[in-house]
PDB file of all heavy atoms in Angstrom:
ATOM      1  N   LYS A   1       0.810  -1.214   0.000  1.00  0.00           N
ATOM      2  CA  LYS A   1       0.000   0.000   0.000  1.00  0.00           C
ATOM      3  C   LYS A   1       0.849   1.273   0.000  1.00  0.00           C
ATOM      4  O   LYS A   1       0.310   2.378  -0.099  1.00  0.00           O
ATOM      5  CB  LYS A   1      -0.920   0.027   1.230  1.00  0.00           C
ATOM      6  CG  LYS A   1      -1.790  -1.211   1.403  1.00  0.00           C
ATOM      7  CD  LYS A   1      -2.740  -1.421   0.245  1.00  0.00           C
ATOM      8  CE  LYS A   1      -3.667  -2.611   0.529  1.00  0.00           C
ATOM      9  NZ  LYS A   1      -4.564  -2.898  -0.613  1.00  0.00           N
ATOM     10  N   GLU A   2       2.169   1.128   0.115  1.00  0.00           N
ATOM     11  CA  GLU A   2       3.043   2.293   0.245  1.00  0.00           C
ATOM     12  C   GLU A   2       2.933   3.239  -0.939  1.00  0.00           C
ATOM     13  O   GLU A   2       3.078   4.457  -0.799  1.00  0.00           O
ATOM     14  CB  GLU A   2       4.495   1.839   0.414  1.00  0.00           C
ATOM     15  CG  GLU A   2       5.446   2.886   0.974  1.00  0.00           C
ATOM     16  CD  GLU A   2       5.982   3.826  -0.085  1.00  0.00           C
ATOM     17  OE1 GLU A   2       6.010   3.435  -1.270  1.00  0.00           O
ATOM     18  OE2 GLU A   2       6.391   4.952   0.274  1.00  0.00           O
ATOM     19  N   CYS A   3       2.663   2.714  -2.108  1.00  0.00           N
ATOM     20  CA  CYS A   3       2.610   3.544  -3.315  1.00  0.00           C
ATOM     21  C   CYS A   3       1.322   4.355  -3.427  1.00  0.00           C
ATOM     22  O   CYS A   3       1.216   5.248  -4.276  1.00  0.00           O
ATOM     23  CB  CYS A   3       2.776   2.670  -4.554  1.00  0.00           C
ATOM     24  SG  CYS A   3       1.442   1.462  -4.778  1.00  0.00           S
ATOM     25  N   MET A   4       0.343   4.082  -2.575  1.00  0.00           N
ATOM     26  CA  MET A   4      -0.958   4.746  -2.701  1.00  0.00           C
ATOM     27  C   MET A   4      -0.874   6.191  -2.230  1.00  0.00           C
ATOM     28  O   MET A   4      -0.208   6.514  -1.243  1.00  0.00           O
ATOM     29  CB  MET A   4      -2.030   3.990  -1.905  1.00  0.00           C
ATOM     30  CG  MET A   4      -2.258   2.580  -2.390  1.00  0.00           C
ATOM     31  SD  MET A   4      -3.517   1.700  -1.433  1.00  0.00           S
ATOM     32  CE  MET A   4      -4.993   2.548  -1.971  1.00  0.00           C
ATOM     33  N   HIS A   5      -1.564   7.083  -2.940  1.00  0.00           N
ATOM     34  CA  HIS A   5      -1.611   8.486  -2.566  1.00  0.00           C
ATOM     35  C   HIS A   5      -2.267   8.628  -1.201  1.00  0.00           C
ATOM     36  O   HIS A   5      -3.145   7.847  -0.826  1.00  0.00           O
ATOM     37  CB  HIS A   5      -2.405   9.273  -3.609  1.00  0.00           C
ATOM     38  CG  HIS A   5      -2.419  10.741  -3.375  1.00  0.00           C
ATOM     39  ND1 HIS A   5      -1.282  11.514  -3.444  1.00  0.00           N
ATOM     40  CD2 HIS A   5      -3.424  11.583  -3.034  1.00  0.00           C
ATOM     41  CE1 HIS A   5      -1.594  12.771  -3.182  1.00  0.00           C
ATOM     42  NE2 HIS A   5      -2.887  12.845  -2.924  1.00  0.00           N
ATOM     43  N   ALA A   6      -1.810   9.630  -0.420  1.00  0.00           N
ATOM     44  CA  ALA A   6      -2.307   9.807   0.938  1.00  0.00           C
ATOM     45  C   ALA A   6      -2.439  11.292   1.256  1.00  0.00           C
ATOM     46  O   ALA A   6      -1.929  12.149   0.541  1.00  0.00           O
ATOM     47  CB  ALA A   6      -1.366   9.129   1.939  1.00  0.00           C
ATOM     48  N   CYS A   7      -3.127  11.582   2.363  1.00  0.00           N
ATOM     49  CA  CYS A   7      -3.429  12.972   2.712  1.00  0.00           C
ATOM     50  C   CYS A   7      -2.178  13.795   2.994  1.00  0.00           C
ATOM     51  O   CYS A   7      -2.130  14.984   2.666  1.00  0.00           O
ATOM     52  CB  CYS A   7      -4.371  13.019   3.911  1.00  0.00           C
ATOM     53  SG  CYS A   7      -6.093  12.630   3.472  1.00  0.00           S
ATOM     54  N   ARG A   8      -1.179  13.210   3.617  1.00  0.00           N
ATOM     55  CA  ARG A   8       0.035  13.987   3.876  1.00  0.00           C
ATOM     56  C   ARG A   8       0.677  14.435   2.564  1.00  0.00           C
ATOM     57  O   ARG A   8       1.240  15.537   2.488  1.00  0.00           O
ATOM     58  CB  ARG A   8       1.033  13.200   4.730  1.00  0.00           C
ATOM     59  CG  ARG A   8       0.673  13.204   6.203  1.00  0.00           C
ATOM     60  CD  ARG A   8       1.792  12.657   7.064  1.00  0.00           C
ATOM     61  NE  ARG A   8       2.969  13.515   7.072  1.00  0.00           N
ATOM     62  CZ  ARG A   8       3.149  14.538   7.900  1.00  0.00           C
ATOM     63  NH1 ARG A   8       2.206  14.855   8.776  1.00  0.00           N
ATOM     64  NH2 ARG A   8       4.255  15.252   7.859  1.00  0.00           N
ATOM     65  N   ASP A   9       0.598  13.616   1.521  1.00  0.00           N
ATOM     66  CA  ASP A   9       1.092  14.037   0.206  1.00  0.00           C
ATOM     67  C   ASP A   9       0.320  15.270  -0.274  1.00  0.00           C
ATOM     68  O   ASP A   9       0.908  16.222  -0.793  1.00  0.00           O
ATOM     69  CB  ASP A   9       0.927  12.906  -0.823  1.00  0.00           C
ATOM     70  CG  ASP A   9       1.709  11.662  -0.465  1.00  0.00           C
ATOM     71  OD1 ASP A   9       2.824  11.794   0.069  1.00  0.00           O
ATOM     72  OD2 ASP A   9       1.197  10.559  -0.710  1.00  0.00           O
ATOM     73  N   SER A  10      -0.999  15.230  -0.113  1.00  0.00           N
ATOM     74  CA  SER A  10      -1.827  16.355  -0.552  1.00  0.00           C
ATOM     75  C   SER A  10      -1.545  17.608   0.263  1.00  0.00           C
ATOM     76  O   SER A  10      -1.505  18.719  -0.284  1.00  0.00           O
ATOM     77  CB  SER A  10      -3.315  15.995  -0.447  1.00  0.00           C
ATOM     78  OG  SER A  10      -3.659  15.008  -1.403  1.00  0.00           O
ATOM     79  N   PHE A  11      -1.366  17.448   1.570  1.00  0.00           N
ATOM     80  CA  PHE A  11      -1.027  18.605   2.400  1.00  0.00           C
ATOM     81  C   PHE A  11       0.279  19.246   1.935  1.00  0.00           C
ATOM     82  O   PHE A  11       0.400  20.475   1.860  1.00  0.00           O
ATOM     83  CB  PHE A  11      -0.905  18.191   3.871  1.00  0.00           C
ATOM     84  CG  PHE A  11      -2.216  18.017   4.587  1.00  0.00           C
ATOM     85  CD1 PHE A  11      -2.334  17.107   5.632  1.00  0.00           C
ATOM     86  CD2 PHE A  11      -3.336  18.763   4.246  1.00  0.00           C
ATOM     87  CE1 PHE A  11      -3.526  16.948   6.316  1.00  0.00           C
ATOM     88  CE2 PHE A  11      -4.549  18.610   4.919  1.00  0.00           C
ATOM     89  CZ  PHE A  11      -4.630  17.700   5.968  1.00  0.00           C
ATOM     90  N   ILE A  12       1.269  18.425   1.632  1.00  0.00           N
ATOM     91  CA  ILE A  12       2.554  18.950   1.170  1.00  0.00           C
ATOM     92  C   ILE A  12       2.394  19.680  -0.154  1.00  0.00           C
ATOM     93  O   ILE A  12       2.934  20.773  -0.356  1.00  0.00           O
ATOM     94  CB  ILE A  12       3.589  17.814   1.063  1.00  0.00           C
ATOM     95  CG1 ILE A  12       3.942  17.305   2.468  1.00  0.00           C
ATOM     96  CG2 ILE A  12       4.851  18.282   0.330  1.00  0.00           C
ATOM     97  CD1 ILE A  12       4.730  16.024   2.472  1.00  0.00           C
ATOM     98  N   ARG A  13       1.602  19.119  -1.064  1.00  0.00           N
ATOM     99  CA  ARG A  13       1.372  19.773  -2.357  1.00  0.00           C
ATOM    100  C   ARG A  13       0.623  21.095  -2.162  1.00  0.00           C
ATOM    101  O   ARG A  13       0.926  22.092  -2.827  1.00  0.00           O
ATOM    102  CB  ARG A  13       0.574  18.849  -3.282  1.00  0.00           C
ATOM    103  CG  ARG A  13       1.359  17.668  -3.788  1.00  0.00           C
ATOM    104  CD  ARG A  13       2.483  18.092  -4.760  1.00  0.00           C
ATOM    105  NE  ARG A  13       1.915  18.657  -5.976  1.00  0.00           N
ATOM    106  CZ  ARG A  13       2.061  19.923  -6.347  1.00  0.00           C
ATOM    107  NH1 ARG A  13       2.721  20.782  -5.597  1.00  0.00           N
ATOM    108  NH2 ARG A  13       1.515  20.348  -7.469  1.00  0.00           N
ATOM    109  N   GLY A  14      -0.348  21.117  -1.252  1.00  0.00           N
ATOM    110  CA  GLY A  14      -1.068  22.354  -0.980  1.00  0.00           C
ATOM    111  C   GLY A  14      -0.168  23.415  -0.378  1.00  0.00           C
ATOM    112  O   GLY A  14      -0.256  24.597  -0.733  1.00  0.00           O
ATOM    113  N   ALA A  15       0.711  23.003   0.536  1.00  0.00           N
ATOM    114  CA  ALA A  15       1.656  23.945   1.133  1.00  0.00           C
ATOM    115  C   ALA A  15       2.597  24.513   0.077  1.00  0.00           C
ATOM    116  O   ALA A  15       2.929  25.705   0.097  1.00  0.00           O
ATOM    117  CB  ALA A  15       2.448  23.257   2.242  1.00  0.00           C
ATOM    118  N   GLN A  16       3.010  23.682  -0.867  1.00  0.00           N
ATOM    119  CA  GLN A  16       3.866  24.161  -1.954  1.00  0.00           C
ATOM    120  C   GLN A  16       3.123  25.171  -2.822  1.00  0.00           C
ATOM    121  O   GLN A  16       3.690  26.181  -3.250  1.00  0.00           O
ATOM    122  CB  GLN A  16       4.332  22.980  -2.805  1.00  0.00           C
ATOM    123  CG  GLN A  16       5.315  22.062  -2.101  1.00  0.00           C
ATOM    124  CD  GLN A  16       5.581  20.777  -2.872  1.00  0.00           C
ATOM    125  OE1 GLN A  16       4.744  20.325  -3.668  1.00  0.00           O
ATOM    126  NE2 GLN A  16       6.731  20.180  -2.642  1.00  0.00           N
ATOM    127  N   GLU A  17       1.847  24.927  -3.063  1.00  0.00           N
ATOM    128  CA  GLU A  17       1.042  25.846  -3.867  1.00  0.00           C
ATOM    129  C   GLU A  17       0.867  27.181  -3.147  1.00  0.00           C
ATOM    130  O   GLU A  17       0.816  28.244  -3.775  1.00  0.00           O
ATOM    131  CB  GLU A  17      -0.320  25.216  -4.141  1.00  0.00           C
ATOM    132  CG  GLU A  17      -1.221  26.033  -5.047  1.00  0.00           C
ATOM    133  CD  GLU A  17      -2.530  25.321  -5.334  1.00  0.00           C
ATOM    134  OE1 GLU A  17      -2.484  24.164  -5.797  1.00  0.00           O
ATOM    135  OE2 GLU A  17      -3.580  25.914  -5.081  1.00  0.00           O
ATOM    136  N   TRP A  18       0.811  27.141  -1.808  1.00  0.00           N
ATOM    137  CA  TRP A  18       0.673  28.338  -1.011  1.00  0.00           C
ATOM    138  C   TRP A  18       1.953  29.176  -1.067  1.00  0.00           C
ATOM    139  O   TRP A  18       1.946  30.374  -0.827  1.00  0.00           O
ATOM    140  CB  TRP A  18       0.336  27.940   0.418  1.00  0.00           C
ATOM    141  CG  TRP A  18      -0.039  29.044   1.342  1.00  0.00           C
ATOM    142  CD1 TRP A  18      -0.341  30.343   1.028  1.00  0.00           C
ATOM    143  CD2 TRP A  18      -0.151  28.950   2.759  1.00  0.00           C
ATOM    144  NE1 TRP A  18      -0.636  31.057   2.166  1.00  0.00           N
ATOM    145  CE2 TRP A  18      -0.528  30.220   3.249  1.00  0.00           C
ATOM    146  CE3 TRP A  18       0.020  27.902   3.671  1.00  0.00           C
ATOM    147  CZ2 TRP A  18      -0.724  30.470   4.591  1.00  0.00           C
ATOM    148  CZ3 TRP A  18      -0.186  28.149   5.003  1.00  0.00           C
ATOM    149  CH2 TRP A  18      -0.553  29.418   5.463  1.00  0.00           C
ATOM    150  N   LYS A  19       3.065  28.527  -1.349  1.00  0.00           N
ATOM    151  CA  LYS A  19       4.364  29.194  -1.550  1.00  0.00           C
ATOM    152  C   LYS A  19       4.880  29.891  -0.301  1.00  0.00           C
ATOM    153  O   LYS A  19       5.382  31.003  -0.335  1.00  0.00           O
ATOM    154  CB  LYS A  19       4.289  30.187  -2.718  1.00  0.00           C
ATOM    155  CG  LYS A  19       3.987  29.526  -4.055  1.00  0.00           C
ATOM    156  CD  LYS A  19       3.928  30.523  -5.188  1.00  0.00           C
ATOM    157  CE  LYS A  19       3.601  29.824  -6.502  1.00  0.00           C
ATOM    158  NZ  LYS A  19       3.470  30.773  -7.631  1.00  0.00           N
ATOM    159  N   ILE A  20       4.734  29.205   0.828  1.00  0.00           N
ATOM    160  CA  ILE A  20       5.427  29.647   2.028  1.00  0.00           C
ATOM    161  C   ILE A  20       6.241  28.470   2.547  1.00  0.00           C
ATOM    162  O   ILE A  20       6.012  27.325   2.150  1.00  0.00           O
ATOM    163  CB  ILE A  20       4.464  30.139   3.124  1.00  0.00           C
ATOM    164  CG1 ILE A  20       3.622  28.968   3.656  1.00  0.00           C
ATOM    165  CG2 ILE A  20       3.598  31.268   2.650  1.00  0.00           C
ATOM    166  CD1 ILE A  20       2.985  29.276   4.977  1.00  0.00           C
ATOM    167  N   GLU A  21       7.186  28.759   3.398  1.00  0.00           N
ATOM    168  CA  GLU A  21       8.046  27.703   3.915  1.00  0.00           C
ATOM    169  C   GLU A  21       7.400  27.042   5.121  1.00  0.00           C
ATOM    170  O   GLU A  21       7.246  27.657   6.172  1.00  0.00           O
ATOM    171  CB  GLU A  21       9.421  28.263   4.282  1.00  0.00           C
ATOM    172  CG  GLU A  21      10.234  28.727   3.078  1.00  0.00           C
ATOM    173  CD  GLU A  21      11.642  29.111   3.462  1.00  0.00           C
ATOM    174  OE1 GLU A  21      12.038  28.849   4.611  1.00  0.00           O
ATOM    175  OE2 GLU A  21      12.348  29.679   2.610  1.00  0.00           O
ATOM    176  N   LEU A  22       7.002  25.787   4.942  1.00  0.00           N
ATOM    177  CA  LEU A  22       6.475  24.990   6.037  1.00  0.00           C
ATOM    178  C   LEU A  22       7.369  23.771   6.217  1.00  0.00           C
ATOM    179  O   LEU A  22       7.839  23.191   5.241  1.00  0.00           O
ATOM    180  CB  LEU A  22       5.050  24.522   5.753  1.00  0.00           C
ATOM    181  CG  LEU A  22       3.952  25.580   5.673  1.00  0.00           C
ATOM    182  CD1 LEU A  22       2.622  24.910   5.339  1.00  0.00           C
ATOM    183  CD2 LEU A  22       3.829  26.333   6.977  1.00  0.00           C
ATOM    184  N   SER A  23       7.592  23.392   7.457  1.00  0.00           N
ATOM    185  CA  SER A  23       8.355  22.182   7.739  1.00  0.00           C
ATOM    186  C   SER A  23       7.392  21.046   8.068  1.00  0.00           C
ATOM    187  O   SER A  23       6.175  21.248   8.151  1.00  0.00           O
ATOM    188  CB  SER A  23       9.313  22.418   8.910  1.00  0.00           C
ATOM    189  OG  SER A  23       8.575  22.620  10.105  1.00  0.00           O
ATOM    190  N   LYS A  24       7.919  19.851   8.284  1.00  0.00           N
ATOM    191  CA  LYS A  24       7.072  18.716   8.617  1.00  0.00           C
ATOM    192  C   LYS A  24       6.268  18.959   9.891  1.00  0.00           C
ATOM    193  O   LYS A  24       5.143  18.488  10.016  1.00  0.00           O
ATOM    194  CB  LYS A  24       7.927  17.455   8.768  1.00  0.00           C
ATOM    195  CG  LYS A  24       8.476  16.917   7.461  1.00  0.00           C
ATOM    196  CD  LYS A  24       9.248  15.627   7.688  1.00  0.00           C
ATOM    197  CE  LYS A  24       9.768  15.060   6.388  1.00  0.00           C
ATOM    198  NZ  LYS A  24      10.533  13.798   6.599  1.00  0.00           N
ATOM    199  N   ARG A  25       6.844  19.718  10.835  1.00  0.00           N
ATOM    200  CA  ARG A  25       6.133  19.956  12.089  1.00  0.00           C
ATOM    201  C   ARG A  25       4.896  20.822  11.887  1.00  0.00           C
ATOM    202  O   ARG A  25       3.987  20.816  12.718  1.00  0.00           O
ATOM    203  CB  ARG A  25       7.063  20.602  13.118  1.00  0.00           C
ATOM    204  CG  ARG A  25       7.511  21.999  12.768  1.00  0.00           C
ATOM    205  CD  ARG A  25       8.317  22.625  13.904  1.00  0.00           C
ATOM    206  NE  ARG A  25       7.474  22.827  15.053  1.00  0.00           N
ATOM    207  CZ  ARG A  25       7.908  23.346  16.215  1.00  0.00           C
ATOM    208  NH1 ARG A  25       9.170  23.679  16.337  1.00  0.00           N
ATOM    209  NH2 ARG A  25       7.076  23.529  17.218  1.00  0.00           N
ATOM    210  N   ASP A  26       4.836  21.550  10.771  1.00  0.00           N
ATOM    211  CA  ASP A  26       3.681  22.403  10.500  1.00  0.00           C
ATOM    212  C   ASP A  26       2.507  21.620   9.905  1.00  0.00           C
ATOM    213  O   ASP A  26       1.397  22.119   9.849  1.00  0.00           O
ATOM    214  CB  ASP A  26       4.074  23.541   9.557  1.00  0.00           C
ATOM    215  CG  ASP A  26       5.120  24.448  10.184  1.00  0.00           C
ATOM    216  OD1 ASP A  26       4.895  24.912  11.314  1.00  0.00           O
ATOM    217  OD2 ASP A  26       6.173  24.669   9.564  1.00  0.00           O
ATOM    218  N   ILE A  27       2.773  20.398   9.421  1.00  0.00           N
ATOM    219  CA  ILE A  27       1.688  19.516   8.982  1.00  0.00           C
ATOM    220  C   ILE A  27       1.289  18.708  10.212  1.00  0.00           C
ATOM    221  O   ILE A  27       1.685  17.564  10.403  1.00  0.00           O
ATOM    222  CB  ILE A  27       2.124  18.605   7.813  1.00  0.00           C
ATOM    223  CG1 ILE A  27       2.747  19.432   6.697  1.00  0.00           C
ATOM    224  CG2 ILE A  27       0.940  17.800   7.294  1.00  0.00           C
ATOM    225  CD1 ILE A  27       1.813  20.417   6.039  1.00  0.00           C
ATOM    226  N   ALA A  28       0.520  19.349  11.072  1.00  0.00           N
ATOM    227  CA  ALA A  28       0.225  18.791  12.399  1.00  0.00           C
ATOM    228  C   ALA A  28      -1.064  17.969  12.365  1.00  0.00           C
ATOM    229  O   ALA A  28      -1.668  17.768  11.311  1.00  0.00           O
ATOM    230  CB  ALA A  28       0.113  19.933  13.400  1.00  0.00           C
ATOM    231  N   CYS A  29      -1.485  17.517  13.538  1.00  0.00           N
ATOM    232  CA  CYS A  29      -2.722  16.739  13.654  1.00  0.00           C
ATOM    233  C   CYS A  29      -3.898  17.596  13.177  1.00  0.00           C
ATOM    234  O   CYS A  29      -4.081  18.728  13.625  1.00  0.00           O
ATOM    235  CB  CYS A  29      -2.926  16.301  15.095  1.00  0.00           C
ATOM    236  SG  CYS A  29      -4.279  15.143  15.317  1.00  0.00           S
ATOM    237  N   ASN A  30      -4.676  17.071  12.281  1.00  0.00           N
ATOM    238  CA  ASN A  30      -5.697  17.827  11.556  1.00  0.00           C
ATOM    239  C   ASN A  30      -7.109  17.473  12.010  1.00  0.00           C
ATOM    240  O   ASN A  30      -7.323  16.549  12.792  1.00  0.00           O
ATOM    241  CB  ASN A  30      -5.570  17.540  10.054  1.00  0.00           C
ATOM    242  CG  ASN A  30      -5.710  16.060   9.766  1.00  0.00           C
ATOM    243  OD1 ASN A  30      -4.770  15.294   9.975  1.00  0.00           O
ATOM    244  ND2 ASN A  30      -6.871  15.636   9.291  1.00  0.00           N
ATOM    245  N   ILE A  31      -8.055  18.222  11.469  1.00  0.00           N
ATOM    246  CA  ILE A  31      -9.477  17.889  11.628  1.00  0.00           C
ATOM    247  C   ILE A  31      -9.877  16.968  10.477  1.00  0.00           C
ATOM    248  O   ILE A  31      -9.486  17.179   9.331  1.00  0.00           O
ATOM    249  CB  ILE A  31     -10.343  19.154  11.578  1.00  0.00           C
ATOM    250  CG1 ILE A  31      -9.936  20.145  12.664  1.00  0.00           C
ATOM    251  CG2 ILE A  31     -11.833  18.791  11.709  1.00  0.00           C
ATOM    252  CD1 ILE A  31     -10.538  21.528  12.478  1.00  0.00           C
ATOM    253  N   ASN A  32     -10.673  15.953  10.794  1.00  0.00           N
ATOM    254  CA  ASN A  32     -11.266  15.102   9.762  1.00  0.00           C
ATOM    255  C   ASN A  32     -12.768  15.370   9.728  1.00  0.00           C
ATOM    256  O   ASN A  32     -13.546  14.722  10.439  1.00  0.00           O
ATOM    257  CB  ASN A  32     -10.993  13.622  10.057  1.00  0.00           C
ATOM    258  CG  ASN A  32      -9.523  13.277   9.955  1.00  0.00           C
ATOM    259  OD1 ASN A  32      -8.870  13.568   8.964  1.00  0.00           O
ATOM    260  ND2 ASN A  32      -8.987  12.659  10.996  1.00  0.00           N
ATOM    261  N   PHE A  33     -13.148  16.356   8.923  1.00  0.00           N
ATOM    262  CA  PHE A  33     -14.574  16.648   8.820  1.00  0.00           C
ATOM    263  C   PHE A  33     -15.307  15.473   8.183  1.00  0.00           C
ATOM    264  O   PHE A  33     -14.838  14.882   7.212  1.00  0.00           O
ATOM    265  CB  PHE A  33     -14.801  17.923   8.017  1.00  0.00           C
ATOM    266  CG  PHE A  33     -14.453  19.185   8.760  1.00  0.00           C
ATOM    267  CD1 PHE A  33     -13.400  19.986   8.338  1.00  0.00           C
ATOM    268  CD2 PHE A  33     -15.165  19.559   9.899  1.00  0.00           C
ATOM    269  CE1 PHE A  33     -13.072  21.149   9.027  1.00  0.00           C
ATOM    270  CE2 PHE A  33     -14.843  20.720  10.595  1.00  0.00           C
ATOM    271  CZ  PHE A  33     -13.796  21.514  10.156  1.00  0.00           C
ATOM    272  N   PHE A  34     -16.468  15.127   8.745  1.00  0.00           N
ATOM    273  CA  PHE A  34     -17.372  14.051   8.303  1.00  0.00           C
ATOM    274  C   PHE A  34     -16.847  12.648   8.643  1.00  0.00           C
ATOM    275  O   PHE A  34     -17.502  11.666   8.314  1.00  0.00           O
ATOM    276  CB  PHE A  34     -17.659  14.125   6.788  1.00  0.00           C
ATOM    277  CG  PHE A  34     -18.073  15.478   6.310  1.00  0.00           C
ATOM    278  CD1 PHE A  34     -17.296  16.184   5.404  1.00  0.00           C
ATOM    279  CD2 PHE A  34     -19.232  16.074   6.779  1.00  0.00           C
ATOM    280  CE1 PHE A  34     -17.656  17.447   4.960  1.00  0.00           C
ATOM    281  CE2 PHE A  34     -19.611  17.344   6.353  1.00  0.00           C
ATOM    282  CZ  PHE A  34     -18.817  18.034   5.434  1.00  0.00           C
ATOM    283  N   MET A  35     -15.699  12.542   9.285  1.00  0.00           N
ATOM    284  CA  MET A  35     -15.114  11.218   9.553  1.00  0.00           C
ATOM    285  C   MET A  35     -15.518  10.729  10.935  1.00  0.00           C
ATOM    286  O   MET A  35     -15.577  11.497  11.893  1.00  0.00           O
ATOM    287  CB  MET A  35     -13.594  11.306   9.437  1.00  0.00           C
ATOM    288  CG  MET A  35     -12.873   9.976   9.437  1.00  0.00           C
ATOM    289  SD  MET A  35     -11.180  10.244   8.865  1.00  0.00           S
ATOM    290  CE  MET A  35     -10.387   8.797   9.526  1.00  0.00           C
ATOM    291  N   ASN A  36     -15.781   9.434  11.045  1.00  0.00           N
ATOM    292  CA  ASN A  36     -16.260   8.816  12.275  1.00  0.00           C
ATOM    293  C   ASN A  36     -15.151   7.942  12.870  1.00  0.00           C
ATOM    294  O   ASN A  36     -14.865   6.861  12.356  1.00  0.00           O
ATOM    295  CB  ASN A  36     -17.515   7.977  11.979  1.00  0.00           C
ATOM    296  CG  ASN A  36     -18.106   7.360  13.229  1.00  0.00           C
ATOM    297  OD1 ASN A  36     -17.922   7.859  14.335  1.00  0.00           O
ATOM    298  ND2 ASN A  36     -18.836   6.266  13.053  1.00  0.00           N
ATOM    299  N   VAL A  37     -14.533   8.437  13.940  1.00  0.00           N
ATOM    300  CA  VAL A  37     -13.444   7.691  14.597  1.00  0.00           C
ATOM    301  C   VAL A  37     -13.766   7.600  16.094  1.00  0.00           C
ATOM    302  O   VAL A  37     -13.261   8.395  16.895  1.00  0.00           O
ATOM    303  CB  VAL A  37     -12.074   8.363  14.377  1.00  0.00           C
ATOM    304  CG1 VAL A  37     -10.948   7.491  14.953  1.00  0.00           C
ATOM    305  CG2 VAL A  37     -11.824   8.614  12.896  1.00  0.00           C
TER     306      VAL A  37
END
């Protein structure tokens, strides 16, 4: 399953699109809207 796209990949791509410098620590624990855990 390692090759499958995941949310952290999308967060990194979004941060790149935002064009500011974010480190891994800035991709912190997120909200999962509509998710049941």
